[in-house]
Amino acid sequence: MLIRYKKNLEKIAMGLLSFMPEEKDVKKLQQTIKEYETNPDWHLYLWKDDDILGAIGLRIEDGINAVIQHISVNPSHRNSGIGKKMVGEVNRLYNDKYAVCADDITQQFYSKCDENEDKD
């Protein structure tokens, strides 16, 4: 289940985002979280089953595109479909109002999710 990021989940969200190569630096990670907290066009969601296992973040560009810029799953829960489920939920939430797409960093994974959708 996708839940909206809240400040009390900051440490968990930072831990998940730190698995992304461009978010390894603590200062960069803190800036990213601050942006999600303060910028109304940045939206961060966490994936919760029993525990919080993943994070997906997007930014709204020009009021037209919802650009997925972060996708991260706890390493011990990878390859179990969580990333694909998060992408599917973001598509479901935003497709009516925006064109959902991915940035350069998340594009390869996003495309893979799209390919798998066609096969289902």
N, C-alpha and C. Protein backbone atom coordinates (compact mmCIF):
# COMPACT_ATOMS: atom_id res chain seq x y z
N MET A 1 0.85 -1.18 0.00
CA MET A 1 0.00 0.00 0.00
C MET A 1 0.90 1.25 0.00
N LEU A 2 0.56 2.19 -0.85
CA LEU A 2 1.32 3.43 -0.96
C LEU A 2 0.81 4.41 0.09
N ILE A 3 1.72 4.97 0.88
CA ILE A 3 1.34 5.98 1.86
C ILE A 3 2.15 7.25 1.61
N ARG A 4 1.55 8.37 1.90
CA ARG A 4 2.21 9.67 1.71
C ARG A 4 3.31 9.85 2.76
N TYR A 5 4.45 10.38 2.36
CA TYR A 5 5.54 10.66 3.29
C TYR A 5 5.11 11.69 4.32
N LYS A 6 5.49 11.46 5.56
CA LYS A 6 5.29 12.43 6.64
C LYS A 6 6.62 12.59 7.37
N LYS A 7 6.79 13.72 8.01
CA LYS A 7 8.04 14.06 8.70
C LYS A 7 8.47 12.97 9.69
N ASN A 8 7.52 12.33 10.38
CA ASN A 8 7.89 11.31 11.37
C ASN A 8 8.47 10.05 10.72
N LEU A 9 8.40 9.95 9.40
CA LEU A 9 8.99 8.82 8.67
C LEU A 9 10.30 9.20 7.99
N GLU A 10 10.86 10.34 8.39
CA GLU A 10 12.04 10.88 7.73
C GLU A 10 13.22 9.90 7.70
N LYS A 11 13.54 9.29 8.83
CA LYS A 11 14.70 8.39 8.88
C LYS A 11 14.52 7.18 7.97
N ILE A 12 13.32 6.64 7.95
CA ILE A 12 13.03 5.49 7.08
C ILE A 12 13.15 5.91 5.62
N ALA A 13 12.56 7.05 5.28
CA ALA A 13 12.61 7.55 3.90
C ALA A 13 14.05 7.82 3.47
N MET A 14 14.83 8.45 4.35
CA MET A 14 16.23 8.72 4.02
C MET A 14 17.00 7.42 3.83
N GLY A 15 16.73 6.43 4.66
CA GLY A 15 17.39 5.13 4.52
C GLY A 15 17.09 4.50 3.18
N LEU A 16 15.84 4.54 2.77
CA LEU A 16 15.46 3.96 1.48
C LEU A 16 16.04 4.74 0.31
N LEU A 17 15.97 6.06 0.37
CA LEU A 17 16.51 6.87 -0.72
C LEU A 17 18.03 6.74 -0.83
N SER A 18 18.69 6.44 0.29
CA SER A 18 20.16 6.32 0.27
C SER A 18 20.64 5.14 -0.57
N PHE A 19 19.74 4.23 -0.92
CA PHE A 19 20.12 3.11 -1.80
C PHE A 19 20.28 3.56 -3.24
N MET A 20 19.81 4.75 -3.57
CA MET A 20 19.97 5.27 -4.93
C MET A 20 21.37 5.89 -5.05
N PRO A 21 22.09 5.54 -6.10
CA PRO A 21 23.49 5.99 -6.23
C PRO A 21 23.70 7.49 -6.07
N GLU A 22 22.79 8.31 -6.61
CA GLU A 22 22.99 9.77 -6.54
C GLU A 22 22.60 10.34 -5.19
N GLU A 23 22.09 9.52 -4.28
CA GLU A 23 21.68 10.00 -2.96
C GLU A 23 22.58 9.44 -1.85
N LYS A 24 23.78 8.99 -2.19
CA LYS A 24 24.68 8.40 -1.20
C LYS A 24 25.21 9.45 -0.20
N ASP A 25 25.47 10.65 -0.67
CA ASP A 25 26.00 11.71 0.18
C ASP A 25 24.92 12.22 1.14
N VAL A 26 25.23 12.27 2.43
CA VAL A 26 24.25 12.64 3.45
C VAL A 26 23.69 14.04 3.22
N LYS A 27 24.55 14.99 2.87
CA LYS A 27 24.08 16.36 2.64
C LYS A 27 23.10 16.41 1.46
N LYS A 28 23.41 15.69 0.40
CA LYS A 28 22.53 15.63 -0.77
C LYS A 28 21.20 14.99 -0.38
N LEU A 29 21.26 13.93 0.40
CA LEU A 29 20.06 13.23 0.86
C LEU A 29 19.19 14.15 1.72
N GLN A 30 19.80 14.91 2.60
CA GLN A 30 19.06 15.85 3.44
C GLN A 30 18.38 16.93 2.59
N GLN A 31 19.09 17.40 1.56
CA GLN A 31 18.50 18.40 0.65
C GLN A 31 17.30 17.82 -0.09
N THR A 32 17.43 16.57 -0.52
CA THR A 32 16.34 15.90 -1.24
C THR A 32 15.10 15.78 -0.35
N ILE A 33 15.29 15.32 0.87
CA ILE A 33 14.16 15.17 1.81
C ILE A 33 13.52 16.54 2.09
N LYS A 34 14.36 17.56 2.28
CA LYS A 34 13.85 18.91 2.54
C LYS A 34 13.00 19.39 1.35
N GLU A 35 13.47 19.07 0.15
CA GLU A 35 12.72 19.46 -1.06
C GLU A 35 11.34 18.77 -1.07
N TYR A 36 11.31 17.49 -0.72
CA TYR A 36 10.02 16.78 -0.65
C TYR A 36 9.11 17.37 0.42
N GLU A 37 9.68 17.87 1.48
CA GLU A 37 8.88 18.45 2.57
C GLU A 37 8.37 19.85 2.25
N THR A 38 9.11 20.61 1.46
CA THR A 38 8.77 22.02 1.27
C THR A 38 8.24 22.38 -0.12
N ASN A 39 8.58 21.61 -1.13
CA ASN A 39 8.17 21.95 -2.50
C ASN A 39 6.82 21.28 -2.80
N PRO A 40 5.80 22.07 -3.07
CA PRO A 40 4.47 21.49 -3.33
C PRO A 40 4.41 20.64 -4.60
N ASP A 41 5.41 20.77 -5.48
CA ASP A 41 5.44 19.98 -6.71
C ASP A 41 6.22 18.68 -6.57
N TRP A 42 6.79 18.42 -5.39
CA TRP A 42 7.54 17.18 -5.15
C TRP A 42 6.70 16.31 -4.22
N HIS A 43 6.52 15.04 -4.58
CA HIS A 43 5.68 14.12 -3.80
C HIS A 43 6.45 12.83 -3.53
N LEU A 44 6.52 12.46 -2.27
CA LEU A 44 7.22 11.24 -1.87
C LEU A 44 6.22 10.29 -1.23
N TYR A 45 6.26 9.05 -1.66
CA TYR A 45 5.40 8.01 -1.12
C TYR A 45 6.25 6.84 -0.63
N LEU A 46 5.74 6.15 0.36
CA LEU A 46 6.42 4.98 0.89
C LEU A 46 5.51 3.78 0.67
N TRP A 47 6.11 2.61 0.43
CA TRP A 47 5.35 1.39 0.24
C TRP A 47 5.34 0.61 1.54
N LYS A 48 4.15 0.34 2.04
CA LYS A 48 4.02 -0.34 3.31
C LYS A 48 3.25 -1.65 3.15
N ASP A 49 3.88 -2.74 3.57
CA ASP A 49 3.18 -4.01 3.74
C ASP A 49 3.04 -4.14 5.24
N ASP A 50 3.80 -5.02 5.87
CA ASP A 50 3.86 -5.02 7.34
C ASP A 50 4.81 -3.91 7.79
N ASP A 51 5.91 -3.77 7.06
CA ASP A 51 6.89 -2.71 7.31
C ASP A 51 6.95 -1.81 6.08
N ILE A 52 7.67 -0.71 6.20
CA ILE A 52 7.89 0.16 5.05
C ILE A 52 9.07 -0.42 4.27
N LEU A 53 8.82 -0.78 3.02
CA LEU A 53 9.81 -1.52 2.23
C LEU A 53 10.33 -0.76 1.02
N GLY A 54 9.66 0.33 0.63
CA GLY A 54 10.08 1.03 -0.56
C GLY A 54 9.69 2.50 -0.53
N ALA A 55 10.28 3.25 -1.45
CA ALA A 55 9.98 4.67 -1.60
C ALA A 55 9.93 5.00 -3.08
N ILE A 56 9.03 5.90 -3.42
CA ILE A 56 8.95 6.40 -4.79
C ILE A 56 8.66 7.89 -4.72
N GLY A 57 9.42 8.66 -5.46
CA GLY A 57 9.27 10.11 -5.44
C GLY A 57 9.09 10.65 -6.84
N LEU A 58 8.28 11.69 -6.95
CA LEU A 58 8.07 12.31 -8.25
C LEU A 58 7.93 13.81 -8.10
N ARG A 59 8.11 14.48 -9.21
CA ARG A 59 7.93 15.93 -9.23
C ARG A 59 6.98 16.26 -10.39
N ILE A 60 6.16 17.25 -10.15
CA ILE A 60 5.25 17.73 -11.19
C ILE A 60 5.99 18.82 -11.96
N GLU A 61 6.06 18.65 -13.28
CA GLU A 61 6.75 19.62 -14.14
C GLU A 61 5.76 20.33 -15.03
N ASP A 62 5.77 21.64 -14.99
CA ASP A 62 4.96 22.49 -15.86
C ASP A 62 3.46 22.18 -15.77
N GLY A 63 3.04 21.56 -14.68
CA GLY A 63 1.63 21.21 -14.54
C GLY A 63 1.17 20.17 -15.55
N ILE A 64 2.14 19.53 -16.24
CA ILE A 64 1.81 18.58 -17.31
C ILE A 64 2.30 17.17 -16.99
N ASN A 65 3.56 17.07 -16.59
CA ASN A 65 4.20 15.76 -16.37
C ASN A 65 4.38 15.46 -14.89
N ALA A 66 4.16 14.20 -14.54
CA ALA A 66 4.53 13.69 -13.22
C ALA A 66 5.76 12.82 -13.47
N VAL A 67 6.92 13.35 -13.10
CA VAL A 67 8.20 12.70 -13.43
C VAL A 67 8.70 11.90 -12.23
N ILE A 68 8.77 10.58 -12.39
CA ILE A 68 9.29 9.72 -11.33
C ILE A 68 10.80 9.93 -11.28
N GLN A 69 11.30 10.36 -10.12
CA GLN A 69 12.72 10.66 -9.99
C GLN A 69 13.44 9.80 -8.95
N HIS A 70 12.70 9.11 -8.12
CA HIS A 70 13.29 8.20 -7.14
C HIS A 70 12.45 6.93 -7.07
N ILE A 71 13.10 5.78 -7.13
CA ILE A 71 12.45 4.49 -6.87
C ILE A 71 13.47 3.67 -6.10
N SER A 72 13.08 3.23 -4.92
CA SER A 72 14.01 2.46 -4.10
C SER A 72 13.25 1.43 -3.28
N VAL A 73 13.82 0.22 -3.21
CA VAL A 73 13.24 -0.86 -2.43
C VAL A 73 14.33 -1.42 -1.52
N ASN A 74 13.93 -1.72 -0.29
CA ASN A 74 14.85 -2.34 0.66
C ASN A 74 15.51 -3.55 -0.02
N PRO A 75 16.86 -3.62 -0.01
CA PRO A 75 17.55 -4.70 -0.73
C PRO A 75 17.07 -6.11 -0.39
N SER A 76 16.66 -6.35 0.84
CA SER A 76 16.22 -7.70 1.20
C SER A 76 14.82 -8.03 0.66
N HIS A 77 14.16 -7.04 0.02
CA HIS A 77 12.83 -7.28 -0.53
C HIS A 77 12.78 -7.00 -2.04
N ARG A 78 13.95 -6.91 -2.66
CA ARG A 78 13.99 -6.65 -4.10
C ARG A 78 13.59 -7.90 -4.88
N ASN A 79 13.23 -7.70 -6.11
CA ASN A 79 12.79 -8.77 -7.01
C ASN A 79 11.53 -9.47 -6.54
N SER A 80 10.71 -8.75 -5.78
CA SER A 80 9.43 -9.33 -5.34
C SER A 80 8.26 -8.50 -5.86
N GLY A 81 8.51 -7.59 -6.79
CA GLY A 81 7.44 -6.84 -7.43
C GLY A 81 7.04 -5.54 -6.75
N ILE A 82 7.74 -5.15 -5.68
CA ILE A 82 7.37 -3.92 -4.95
C ILE A 82 7.57 -2.69 -5.82
N GLY A 83 8.70 -2.60 -6.49
CA GLY A 83 8.96 -1.45 -7.37
C GLY A 83 7.90 -1.32 -8.44
N LYS A 84 7.54 -2.43 -9.05
CA LYS A 84 6.51 -2.43 -10.09
C LYS A 84 5.16 -2.00 -9.51
N LYS A 85 4.85 -2.48 -8.30
CA LYS A 85 3.58 -2.08 -7.65
C LYS A 85 3.57 -0.59 -7.37
N MET A 86 4.71 -0.04 -6.91
CA MET A 86 4.77 1.39 -6.63
C MET A 86 4.55 2.20 -7.91
N VAL A 87 5.20 1.80 -8.99
CA VAL A 87 5.03 2.49 -10.28
C VAL A 87 3.56 2.40 -10.72
N GLY A 88 2.96 1.24 -10.57
CA GLY A 88 1.56 1.07 -10.93
C GLY A 88 0.63 1.97 -10.13
N GLU A 89 0.90 2.09 -8.83
CA GLU A 89 0.07 2.95 -7.98
C GLU A 89 0.24 4.43 -8.34
N VAL A 90 1.47 4.85 -8.61
CA VAL A 90 1.71 6.24 -9.02
C VAL A 90 0.98 6.51 -10.34
N ASN A 91 1.06 5.56 -11.27
CA ASN A 91 0.32 5.72 -12.53
C ASN A 91 -1.18 5.86 -12.26
N ARG A 92 -1.70 5.03 -11.38
CA ARG A 92 -3.13 5.07 -11.05
C ARG A 92 -3.52 6.43 -10.42
N LEU A 93 -2.66 6.92 -9.51
CA LEU A 93 -2.94 8.17 -8.81
C LEU A 93 -2.83 9.41 -9.71
N TYR A 94 -1.89 9.39 -10.63
CA TYR A 94 -1.56 10.62 -11.38
C TYR A 94 -1.98 10.62 -12.85
N ASN A 95 -2.30 9.46 -13.42
CA ASN A 95 -2.58 9.37 -14.86
C ASN A 95 -3.74 10.22 -15.33
N ASP A 96 -4.73 10.46 -14.47
CA ASP A 96 -5.88 11.26 -14.89
C ASP A 96 -5.51 12.72 -15.14
N LYS A 97 -4.53 13.22 -14.38
CA LYS A 97 -4.22 14.64 -14.44
C LYS A 97 -2.89 14.95 -15.14
N TYR A 98 -1.96 14.00 -15.12
CA TYR A 98 -0.62 14.25 -15.66
C TYR A 98 -0.17 13.10 -16.56
N ALA A 99 0.83 13.41 -17.38
CA ALA A 99 1.51 12.36 -18.14
C ALA A 99 2.62 11.82 -17.23
N VAL A 100 2.48 10.59 -16.78
CA VAL A 100 3.48 10.01 -15.89
C VAL A 100 4.64 9.51 -16.75
N CYS A 101 5.86 9.89 -16.33
CA CYS A 101 7.07 9.48 -17.03
C CYS A 101 8.19 9.35 -16.01
N ALA A 102 9.39 9.08 -16.49
CA ALA A 102 10.52 8.90 -15.59
C ALA A 102 11.66 9.81 -16.03
N ASP A 103 12.55 10.12 -15.07
CA ASP A 103 13.74 10.90 -15.43
C ASP A 103 14.82 9.94 -15.93
N ASP A 104 15.99 10.49 -16.26
CA ASP A 104 17.08 9.67 -16.81
C ASP A 104 17.49 8.55 -15.86
N ILE A 105 17.44 8.83 -14.57
CA ILE A 105 17.92 7.87 -13.57
C ILE A 105 16.95 6.69 -13.40
N THR A 106 15.66 6.97 -13.45
CA THR A 106 14.67 5.92 -13.21
C THR A 106 14.07 5.35 -14.49
N GLN A 107 14.46 5.90 -15.64
CA GLN A 107 13.85 5.50 -16.93
C GLN A 107 13.98 4.01 -17.22
N GLN A 108 15.15 3.45 -16.99
CA GLN A 108 15.35 2.04 -17.32
C GLN A 108 14.39 1.15 -16.52
N PHE A 109 14.27 1.41 -15.22
CA PHE A 109 13.36 0.62 -14.40
C PHE A 109 11.92 0.86 -14.81
N TYR A 110 11.56 2.11 -15.05
CA TYR A 110 10.20 2.46 -15.44
C TYR A 110 9.81 1.76 -16.74
N SER A 111 10.71 1.74 -17.71
CA SER A 111 10.46 1.06 -18.98
C SER A 111 10.24 -0.43 -18.77
N LYS A 112 11.03 -1.01 -17.87
CA LYS A 112 10.90 -2.44 -17.57
C LYS A 112 9.51 -2.72 -16.98
N CYS A 113 9.02 -1.84 -16.14
CA CYS A 113 7.68 -2.01 -15.56
C CYS A 113 6.63 -1.94 -16.65
N ASP A 114 6.80 -1.03 -17.60
CA ASP A 114 5.87 -0.89 -18.71
C ASP A 114 5.85 -2.13 -19.59
N GLU A 115 7.03 -2.69 -19.87
CA GLU A 115 7.12 -3.92 -20.68
C GLU A 115 6.39 -5.05 -19.99
N ASN A 116 6.58 -5.18 -18.69
CA ASN A 116 5.93 -6.25 -17.94
C ASN A 116 4.43 -6.09 -17.91
N GLU A 117 3.95 -4.83 -17.91
CA GLU A 117 2.51 -4.57 -17.94
C GLU A 117 1.90 -5.17 -19.20
N ASP A 118 2.61 -5.00 -20.33
CA ASP A 118 2.10 -5.49 -21.60
C ASP A 118 1.96 -7.02 -21.60
N LYS A 119 2.80 -7.70 -20.85
CA LYS A 119 2.79 -9.16 -20.82
C LYS A 119 1.73 -9.72 -19.89
N ASP A 120 1.31 -8.92 -18.90
CA ASP A 120 0.35 -9.43 -17.90
C ASP A 120 -1.03 -9.68 -18.49
